[in-house]
Each structure stands twice: as C-alpha cells, then as structure tokens.
Amino acid sequence: MSDAPANPFDAEGQFLVLTNAEGQHSLWPLFAPVPAGWSTAHGPCARQEALDWINAHWAGPVAVTAR
C-alpha cells in the first residue's frame, strides 16, 4: 500500500511550487518525484502557502515563448 493520500491535493498535505523553463508554475505534492524539466522554486510548505507564493510570483499561464 502507498503512503500517497487518496487525493494528492488535499489541503492537509505538504507541497512544492515547481517552475519550468517556460516560467510556468505548478503546485506539486511533496511525496511525488519532481518531473523532468521542472525544478523546486518554493517549499515544502502547506497548500495555501504554496498557492499564495504562486499568486505572488507568477504572472499567469502565458508561456515565456509566447510573450
């Protein structure tokens, strides 16, 4: 049996904020491996802290190559 929660985005979990080369950000559960092409920008922290960090540091879903 896995240690992963039934819903990996439950508010009780610990999270990372990931970024990629396009400047995109992602909320990522701490237990899951960071995917290739992404790196940790913030965390681990509570879900709301991660979301607050994303809101403060990310301009939106437009990729760098589209700007």
N, C-alpha and C. Protein backbone atom coordinates (compact mmCIF):
# COMPACT_ATOMS: atom_id res chain seq x y z
N MET A 1 0.84 -1.18 0.00
CA MET A 1 0.00 0.00 0.00
C MET A 1 0.89 1.24 0.00
N SER A 2 0.47 2.27 -0.72
CA SER A 2 1.24 3.50 -0.88
C SER A 2 1.01 4.46 0.29
N ASP A 3 2.01 5.32 0.54
CA ASP A 3 1.87 6.38 1.53
C ASP A 3 1.17 7.60 0.94
N ALA A 4 0.94 7.60 -0.36
CA ALA A 4 0.30 8.73 -1.03
C ALA A 4 -1.15 8.84 -0.57
N PRO A 5 -1.62 10.08 -0.34
CA PRO A 5 -3.01 10.26 0.05
C PRO A 5 -3.96 9.92 -1.10
N ALA A 6 -5.23 9.68 -0.78
CA ALA A 6 -6.22 9.37 -1.81
C ALA A 6 -6.32 10.51 -2.82
N ASN A 7 -6.30 11.75 -2.35
CA ASN A 7 -6.29 12.92 -3.21
C ASN A 7 -5.00 13.67 -2.91
N PRO A 8 -4.04 13.68 -3.84
CA PRO A 8 -2.74 14.29 -3.55
C PRO A 8 -2.80 15.80 -3.35
N PHE A 9 -3.93 16.43 -3.63
CA PHE A 9 -4.04 17.88 -3.46
C PHE A 9 -4.90 18.26 -2.26
N ASP A 10 -5.12 17.30 -1.33
CA ASP A 10 -5.81 17.61 -0.08
C ASP A 10 -5.06 18.71 0.65
N ALA A 11 -5.80 19.59 1.28
CA ALA A 11 -5.21 20.75 1.96
C ALA A 11 -4.25 20.35 3.08
N GLU A 12 -4.39 19.14 3.62
CA GLU A 12 -3.54 18.72 4.75
C GLU A 12 -2.14 18.32 4.32
N GLY A 13 -1.91 18.13 3.03
CA GLY A 13 -0.62 17.65 2.56
C GLY A 13 0.44 18.74 2.54
N GLN A 14 1.66 18.33 2.23
CA GLN A 14 2.78 19.25 2.05
C GLN A 14 3.04 19.36 0.54
N PHE A 15 3.42 20.56 0.11
CA PHE A 15 3.54 20.83 -1.32
C PHE A 15 4.83 21.56 -1.66
N LEU A 16 5.18 21.46 -2.93
CA LEU A 16 6.26 22.24 -3.52
C LEU A 16 5.64 23.14 -4.58
N VAL A 17 6.32 24.23 -4.87
CA VAL A 17 6.00 25.01 -6.07
C VAL A 17 7.11 24.71 -7.05
N LEU A 18 6.73 24.22 -8.23
CA LEU A 18 7.70 23.90 -9.27
C LEU A 18 7.64 24.95 -10.36
N THR A 19 8.78 25.16 -11.04
CA THR A 19 8.84 26.02 -12.21
C THR A 19 9.55 25.28 -13.33
N ASN A 20 9.23 25.68 -14.56
CA ASN A 20 9.92 25.09 -15.71
C ASN A 20 10.61 26.18 -16.53
N ALA A 21 11.25 25.80 -17.60
CA ALA A 21 12.00 26.75 -18.42
C ALA A 21 11.11 27.79 -19.08
N GLU A 22 9.82 27.51 -19.20
CA GLU A 22 8.87 28.46 -19.78
C GLU A 22 8.39 29.49 -18.75
N GLY A 23 8.83 29.33 -17.49
CA GLY A 23 8.39 30.24 -16.44
C GLY A 23 7.04 29.87 -15.86
N GLN A 24 6.53 28.70 -16.22
CA GLN A 24 5.26 28.23 -15.67
C GLN A 24 5.48 27.70 -14.26
N HIS A 25 4.44 27.77 -13.45
CA HIS A 25 4.49 27.31 -12.06
C HIS A 25 3.48 26.19 -11.86
N SER A 26 3.78 25.31 -10.92
CA SER A 26 2.88 24.20 -10.63
C SER A 26 2.88 23.90 -9.14
N LEU A 27 1.70 23.65 -8.60
CA LEU A 27 1.55 23.13 -7.25
C LEU A 27 1.80 21.64 -7.34
N TRP A 28 2.71 21.12 -6.49
CA TRP A 28 3.11 19.71 -6.62
C TRP A 28 3.16 19.06 -5.25
N PRO A 29 2.54 17.89 -5.09
CA PRO A 29 2.59 17.21 -3.79
C PRO A 29 4.01 16.75 -3.46
N LEU A 30 4.40 16.93 -2.22
CA LEU A 30 5.75 16.64 -1.77
C LEU A 30 6.14 15.18 -1.98
N PHE A 31 5.21 14.24 -1.83
CA PHE A 31 5.56 12.83 -1.93
C PHE A 31 5.91 12.40 -3.35
N ALA A 32 5.49 13.18 -4.36
CA ALA A 32 5.69 12.77 -5.75
C ALA A 32 7.04 13.29 -6.27
N PRO A 33 7.74 12.49 -7.06
CA PRO A 33 9.02 12.95 -7.61
C PRO A 33 8.81 14.15 -8.55
N VAL A 34 9.75 15.07 -8.51
CA VAL A 34 9.70 16.23 -9.40
C VAL A 34 9.94 15.75 -10.83
N PRO A 35 9.04 16.09 -11.76
CA PRO A 35 9.19 15.61 -13.14
C PRO A 35 10.37 16.27 -13.85
N ALA A 36 10.88 15.59 -14.85
CA ALA A 36 11.96 16.14 -15.66
C ALA A 36 11.53 17.47 -16.26
N GLY A 37 12.44 18.42 -16.27
CA GLY A 37 12.15 19.73 -16.84
C GLY A 37 11.58 20.73 -15.85
N TRP A 38 11.34 20.29 -14.63
CA TRP A 38 10.80 21.16 -13.58
C TRP A 38 11.79 21.21 -12.42
N SER A 39 11.80 22.32 -11.70
CA SER A 39 12.64 22.43 -10.51
C SER A 39 11.85 23.09 -9.39
N THR A 40 12.30 22.86 -8.17
CA THR A 40 11.61 23.41 -6.99
C THR A 40 11.94 24.88 -6.85
N ALA A 41 10.90 25.71 -6.75
CA ALA A 41 11.06 27.14 -6.55
C ALA A 41 10.72 27.54 -5.11
N HIS A 42 9.88 26.75 -4.44
CA HIS A 42 9.45 27.09 -3.08
C HIS A 42 8.93 25.82 -2.39
N GLY A 43 9.12 25.77 -1.09
CA GLY A 43 8.60 24.66 -0.30
C GLY A 43 9.69 23.72 0.14
N PRO A 44 9.30 22.69 0.85
CA PRO A 44 7.93 22.25 1.11
C PRO A 44 7.19 23.17 2.08
N CYS A 45 5.87 23.20 1.90
CA CYS A 45 5.02 24.06 2.72
C CYS A 45 3.58 23.58 2.62
N ALA A 46 2.72 24.22 3.40
CA ALA A 46 1.29 23.91 3.34
C ALA A 46 0.73 24.36 1.99
N ARG A 47 -0.38 23.77 1.60
CA ARG A 47 -1.00 24.04 0.30
C ARG A 47 -1.29 25.53 0.12
N GLN A 48 -1.88 26.18 1.12
CA GLN A 48 -2.24 27.59 0.97
C GLN A 48 -1.00 28.47 0.82
N GLU A 49 0.06 28.16 1.56
CA GLU A 49 1.30 28.92 1.41
C GLU A 49 1.85 28.79 0.00
N ALA A 50 1.80 27.58 -0.56
CA ALA A 50 2.27 27.35 -1.93
C ALA A 50 1.42 28.15 -2.92
N LEU A 51 0.10 28.12 -2.76
CA LEU A 51 -0.77 28.89 -3.65
C LEU A 51 -0.52 30.39 -3.52
N ASP A 52 -0.31 30.86 -2.30
CA ASP A 52 0.00 32.28 -2.10
C ASP A 52 1.30 32.66 -2.79
N TRP A 53 2.29 31.78 -2.71
CA TRP A 53 3.59 32.04 -3.34
C TRP A 53 3.42 32.11 -4.86
N ILE A 54 2.66 31.18 -5.42
CA ILE A 54 2.40 31.20 -6.86
C ILE A 54 1.71 32.50 -7.26
N ASN A 55 0.69 32.89 -6.53
CA ASN A 55 -0.03 34.13 -6.84
C ASN A 55 0.87 35.36 -6.77
N ALA A 56 1.84 35.35 -5.87
CA ALA A 56 2.73 36.49 -5.72
C ALA A 56 3.87 36.52 -6.75
N HIS A 57 4.21 35.36 -7.35
CA HIS A 57 5.40 35.28 -8.20
C HIS A 57 5.16 34.91 -9.65
N TRP A 58 3.94 34.60 -10.01
CA TRP A 58 3.68 34.14 -11.38
C TRP A 58 2.69 35.07 -12.05
N ALA A 59 3.04 35.55 -13.23
CA ALA A 59 2.19 36.49 -13.96
C ALA A 59 0.97 35.81 -14.58
N GLY A 60 1.00 34.52 -14.78
CA GLY A 60 -0.14 33.83 -15.36
C GLY A 60 0.27 32.73 -16.29
N PRO A 61 -0.70 32.12 -16.98
CA PRO A 61 -0.43 30.92 -17.77
C PRO A 61 0.19 31.16 -19.14
N VAL A 62 0.63 32.36 -19.45
CA VAL A 62 1.26 32.61 -20.75
C VAL A 62 2.71 32.16 -20.69
N ALA A 63 3.11 31.26 -21.59
CA ALA A 63 4.48 30.76 -21.62
C ALA A 63 5.44 31.86 -22.06
N VAL A 64 6.67 31.79 -21.60
CA VAL A 64 7.70 32.77 -21.95
C VAL A 64 7.84 32.90 -23.47
N THR A 65 7.79 31.79 -24.18
CA THR A 65 7.97 31.82 -25.63
C THR A 65 6.82 32.53 -26.34
N ALA A 66 5.66 32.67 -25.67
CA ALA A 66 4.52 33.34 -26.28
C ALA A 66 4.48 34.83 -25.96
N ARG A 67 5.35 35.29 -25.09
CA ARG A 67 5.35 36.71 -24.68
C ARG A 67 6.05 37.57 -25.69
